[in-house]
Amino acid sequence: MNSEAFSADALAPLAYSVSEACRVSTFGRTYIYQLISEGRLEARKFGKRTIITARSLRALIEGEAA
């Protein structure tokens, strides 16, 4: 296994806060919440904090989301 590829995977986030998802995707906060409510973006609640899975955000951007 290539150690550079392993390092990049190890450093890739598993999830994003809504603010981080906005920053990395360039979507607005309201649109992120809309995508969550439509079921097009997978999110989890931890207390009051909403966390968006990196896998879901990547799939949405790459056109693989429903």
C-alpha atoms as a PDB file:
ATOM      1  CA  MET A   1       0.000   0.000   0.000  1.00  0.00           C
ATOM      2  CA  ASN A   2       1.260   3.459  -0.867  1.00  0.00           C
ATOM      3  CA  SER A   3       2.031   5.310   2.377  1.00  0.00           C
ATOM      4  CA  GLU A   4       1.090   8.674   0.835  1.00  0.00           C
ATOM      5  CA  ALA A   5      -2.384   7.403  -0.078  1.00  0.00           C
ATOM      6  CA  PHE A   6      -2.790   5.913   3.394  1.00  0.00           C
ATOM      7  CA  SER A   7      -1.801   9.221   5.011  1.00  0.00           C
ATOM      8  CA  ALA A   8      -4.306  11.171   2.924  1.00  0.00           C
ATOM      9  CA  ASP A   9      -7.087   8.722   3.817  1.00  0.00           C
ATOM     10  CA  ALA A  10      -6.152   8.810   7.480  1.00  0.00           C
ATOM     11  CA  LEU A  11      -6.349  12.613   7.499  1.00  0.00           C
ATOM     12  CA  ALA A  12      -9.635  12.858   5.566  1.00  0.00           C
ATOM     13  CA  PRO A  13     -12.509  13.862   7.858  1.00  0.00           C
ATOM     14  CA  LEU A  14     -15.271  11.354   8.572  1.00  0.00           C
ATOM     15  CA  ALA A  15     -17.829  14.104   9.033  1.00  0.00           C
ATOM     16  CA  TYR A  16     -18.335  17.858   8.853  1.00  0.00           C
ATOM     17  CA  SER A  17     -20.228  20.373  10.920  1.00  0.00           C
ATOM     18  CA  VAL A  18     -22.765  22.391   8.937  1.00  0.00           C
ATOM     19  CA  SER A  19     -20.335  25.332   8.817  1.00  0.00           C
ATOM     20  CA  GLU A  20     -17.505  23.116   7.574  1.00  0.00           C
ATOM     21  CA  ALA A  21     -19.787  21.513   4.967  1.00  0.00           C
ATOM     22  CA  CYS A  22     -20.697  24.987   3.716  1.00  0.00           C
ATOM     23  CA  ARG A  23     -17.035  25.921   3.449  1.00  0.00           C
ATOM     24  CA  VAL A  24     -15.869  22.804   1.614  1.00  0.00           C
ATOM     25  CA  SER A  25     -18.884  22.555  -0.715  1.00  0.00           C
ATOM     26  CA  THR A  26     -19.544  26.292  -1.263  1.00  0.00           C
ATOM     27  CA  PHE A  27     -23.257  25.624  -0.559  1.00  0.00           C
ATOM     28  CA  GLY A  28     -25.105  28.027   1.696  1.00  0.00           C
ATOM     29  CA  ARG A  29     -26.248  27.085   5.181  1.00  0.00           C
ATOM     30  CA  THR A  30     -29.939  27.174   4.236  1.00  0.00           C
ATOM     31  CA  TYR A  31     -29.326  24.934   1.215  1.00  0.00           C
ATOM     32  CA  ILE A  32     -27.397  22.431   3.375  1.00  0.00           C
ATOM     33  CA  TYR A  33     -30.350  22.203   5.769  1.00  0.00           C
ATOM     34  CA  GLN A  34     -32.731  21.878   2.796  1.00  0.00           C
ATOM     35  CA  LEU A  35     -30.690  18.959   1.440  1.00  0.00           C
ATOM     36  CA  ILE A  36     -30.796  17.315   4.867  1.00  0.00           C
ATOM     37  CA  SER A  37     -34.584  17.720   5.155  1.00  0.00           C
ATOM     38  CA  GLU A  38     -35.050  16.311   1.620  1.00  0.00           C
ATOM     39  CA  GLY A  39     -32.979  13.272   2.602  1.00  0.00           C
ATOM     40  CA  ARG A  40     -30.328  14.020  -0.031  1.00  0.00           C
ATOM     41  CA  LEU A  41     -27.642  14.636   2.586  1.00  0.00           C
ATOM     42  CA  GLU A  42     -27.048  12.293   5.525  1.00  0.00           C
ATOM     43  CA  ALA A  43     -26.743  14.008   8.881  1.00  0.00           C
ATOM     44  CA  ARG A  44     -26.582  12.930  12.520  1.00  0.00           C
ATOM     45  CA  LYS A  45     -27.408  14.881  15.662  1.00  0.00           C
ATOM     46  CA  PHE A  46     -25.049  14.847  18.628  1.00  0.00           C
ATOM     47  CA  GLY A  47     -26.755  16.913  21.274  1.00  0.00           C
ATOM     48  CA  LYS A  48     -27.516  20.193  19.524  1.00  0.00           C
ATOM     49  CA  ARG A  49     -24.785  19.718  16.942  1.00  0.00           C
ATOM     50  CA  THR A  50     -25.603  18.530  13.419  1.00  0.00           C
ATOM     51  CA  ILE A  51     -22.870  16.479  11.755  1.00  0.00           C
ATOM     52  CA  ILE A  52     -22.872  15.659   8.032  1.00  0.00           C
ATOM     53  CA  THR A  53     -21.088  12.518   6.921  1.00  0.00           C
ATOM     54  CA  ALA A  54     -18.218  13.153   4.535  1.00  0.00           C
ATOM     55  CA  ARG A  55     -19.321  10.153   2.451  1.00  0.00           C
ATOM     56  CA  SER A  56     -22.780  11.687   1.950  1.00  0.00           C
ATOM     57  CA  LEU A  57     -21.420  15.120   1.045  1.00  0.00           C
ATOM     58  CA  ARG A  58     -18.916  13.637  -1.398  1.00  0.00           C
ATOM     59  CA  ALA A  59     -21.634  11.472  -3.024  1.00  0.00           C
ATOM     60  CA  LEU A  60     -23.912  14.492  -3.411  1.00  0.00           C
ATOM     61  CA  ILE A  61     -21.213  16.581  -5.058  1.00  0.00           C
ATOM     62  CA  GLU A  62     -20.105  13.734  -7.302  1.00  0.00           C
ATOM     63  CA  GLY A  63     -23.707  13.223  -8.423  1.00  0.00           C
ATOM     64  CA  GLU A  64     -24.252   9.851  -6.763  1.00  0.00           C
ATOM     65  CA  ALA A  65     -26.896  10.966  -4.245  1.00  0.00           C
ATOM     66  CA  ALA A  66     -30.590  10.288  -4.784  1.00  0.00           C
END
